[in-house]
Protein backbone atom coordinates (compact mmCIF):
# COMPACT_ATOMS: atom_id res chain seq x y z
CA MET A 1 -85.20 141.16 153.69
CA GLU A 2 -85.72 137.46 153.27
CA LYS A 3 -83.23 135.04 151.80
CA GLU A 4 -85.12 134.73 148.50
CA GLU A 5 -85.31 138.51 148.09
CA ILE A 6 -81.56 138.82 148.65
CA LEU A 7 -80.85 136.05 146.12
CA GLU A 8 -83.17 137.62 143.55
CA LYS A 9 -81.53 141.02 144.03
CA SER A 10 -78.08 139.46 143.60
CA ARG A 11 -79.17 137.69 140.41
CA THR A 12 -80.60 140.92 139.04
CA GLU A 13 -77.42 142.87 139.82
CA ASN A 14 -75.14 140.24 138.30
CA ARG A 15 -77.48 139.49 135.37
CA ASN A 16 -76.44 135.84 135.47
CA ARG A 17 -72.77 136.70 134.95
CA ASP A 18 -70.20 134.41 136.46
CA ILE A 19 -68.50 136.33 139.28
CA TYR A 20 -65.40 134.09 139.09
CA GLU A 21 -65.08 134.78 135.37
CA GLN A 22 -65.36 138.52 136.03
CA GLU A 23 -62.59 138.31 138.62
CA VAL A 24 -60.34 136.33 136.25
CA LEU A 25 -60.95 138.89 133.50
CA LYS A 26 -60.10 141.72 135.91
CA GLN A 27 -56.83 140.02 136.87
CA ALA A 28 -56.01 139.29 133.22
CA ASN A 29 -56.53 142.95 132.32
CA ALA A 30 -54.26 144.04 135.18
CA VAL A 31 -51.49 141.69 134.02
CA ALA A 32 -51.95 142.85 130.41
CA VAL A 33 -51.46 146.48 131.47
CA ILE A 34 -48.28 145.56 133.39
CA VAL A 35 -46.90 143.68 130.37
CA MET A 36 -47.71 146.64 128.13
CA ILE A 37 -45.89 149.03 130.47
CA VAL A 38 -42.83 146.77 130.67
CA LEU A 39 -42.67 146.52 126.88
CA ALA A 40 -43.11 150.28 126.53
CA VAL A 41 -40.21 150.90 128.93
CA ILE A 42 -38.00 148.45 127.00
CA PHE A 43 -38.89 149.96 123.61
CA PHE A 44 -38.48 153.52 124.91
CA ALA A 45 -35.06 152.74 126.44
CA VAL A 46 -33.78 150.87 123.38
CA GLN A 47 -34.89 153.69 121.10
CA ILE A 48 -33.10 156.29 123.24
CA PHE A 49 -29.90 154.23 123.64
CA THR A 50 -29.69 153.44 119.93
CA GLY A 51 -29.94 157.12 119.04
CA GLY A 52 -33.50 156.94 117.74
CA GLY A 53 -34.74 159.73 119.96
CA GLU A 54 -37.76 159.58 122.19
CA ASN A 55 -41.06 158.06 121.10
CA TRP A 56 -43.77 159.67 123.19
CA GLY A 57 -46.41 157.94 121.07
CA ILE A 58 -45.72 154.72 122.97
CA TRP A 59 -46.54 156.46 126.25
CA ALA A 60 -49.68 158.03 124.79
CA LEU A 61 -50.87 154.50 123.96
CA VAL A 62 -49.94 153.12 127.38
CA PHE A 63 -51.65 155.95 129.23
CA SER A 64 -54.72 155.72 126.98
CA VAL A 65 -55.55 152.25 128.33
CA ASN A 66 -55.71 153.51 131.91
CA MET A 67 -57.45 156.70 130.81
CA THR A 68 -60.20 154.72 129.11
CA THR A 69 -60.55 152.33 132.04
CA PHE A 70 -60.98 155.15 134.55
CA TRP A 71 -63.45 157.05 132.34
CA VAL A 72 -65.60 153.95 131.90
CA LYS A 73 -65.45 153.19 135.63
CA TYR A 74 -66.40 156.79 136.45
CA ILE A 75 -69.32 156.76 134.02
CA LYS A 76 -70.59 153.48 135.48
CA ILE A 77 -70.03 154.00 139.23
CA HIS A 78 -69.57 157.78 139.64
CA ARG A 79 -66.75 157.70 142.19
CA ARG A 80 -64.59 160.77 142.69
CA HIS A 81 -61.37 158.71 142.62
CA GLU A 82 -62.15 157.42 139.14
CA LEU A 83 -62.89 160.93 137.90
CA VAL A 84 -59.61 162.31 139.29
CA MET A 85 -57.59 159.43 137.81
CA ALA A 86 -59.39 159.75 134.46
CA ILE A 87 -58.50 163.44 134.33
CA VAL A 88 -54.86 162.74 135.29
CA TYR A 89 -54.50 160.04 132.62
CA THR A 90 -56.24 162.24 130.04
CA ALA A 91 -53.69 164.97 130.76
CA LEU A 92 -50.86 162.43 130.37
CA VAL A 93 -52.29 161.16 127.06
CA LEU A 94 -52.67 164.70 125.73
CA THR A 95 -49.16 165.67 126.85
CA ALA A 96 -47.50 162.56 125.42
CA SER A 97 -49.50 162.90 122.19
CA GLY A 98 -48.54 166.55 121.92
CA TYR A 99 -44.84 165.78 122.36
CA HIS A 100 -45.04 162.95 119.85
CA ILE A 101 -46.79 165.05 117.21
CA HIS A 102 -44.44 168.00 117.87
CA PHE A 103 -41.35 165.81 117.39
CA LEU A 104 -42.80 164.27 114.22
CA ILE A 105 -43.48 167.71 112.75
CA ALA A 106 -40.14 169.12 113.89
CA SER A 107 -38.18 166.24 112.42
CA ALA A 108 -40.10 166.09 109.13
CA SER A 109 -38.28 167.37 106.12
CA ILE A 110 -41.03 169.45 104.57
CA SER A 111 -39.88 171.17 101.40
């Protein structure tokens, strides 16, 4: 392959997207997920220690971000690791959602 062919192939693959901008966006998303997890831990702990019970809905939301990320990555690049992680996070979202809905129904005062 000649230099021009390699450059043309690279341009086609990147579709004129700025690689640096993509890397910054990737890092920003990683930091955002970490901040979300830290806040979820704080809110979960405060709710438990103040007698408010457990809010599994927070964890369903936290896990749903990673679940969605891994499903999109798997659909786009078809790697086994992404599929496994997507399935794991889907199970976590379903479990946390189930607990949250169960506790809401159990604690509701339906007359």
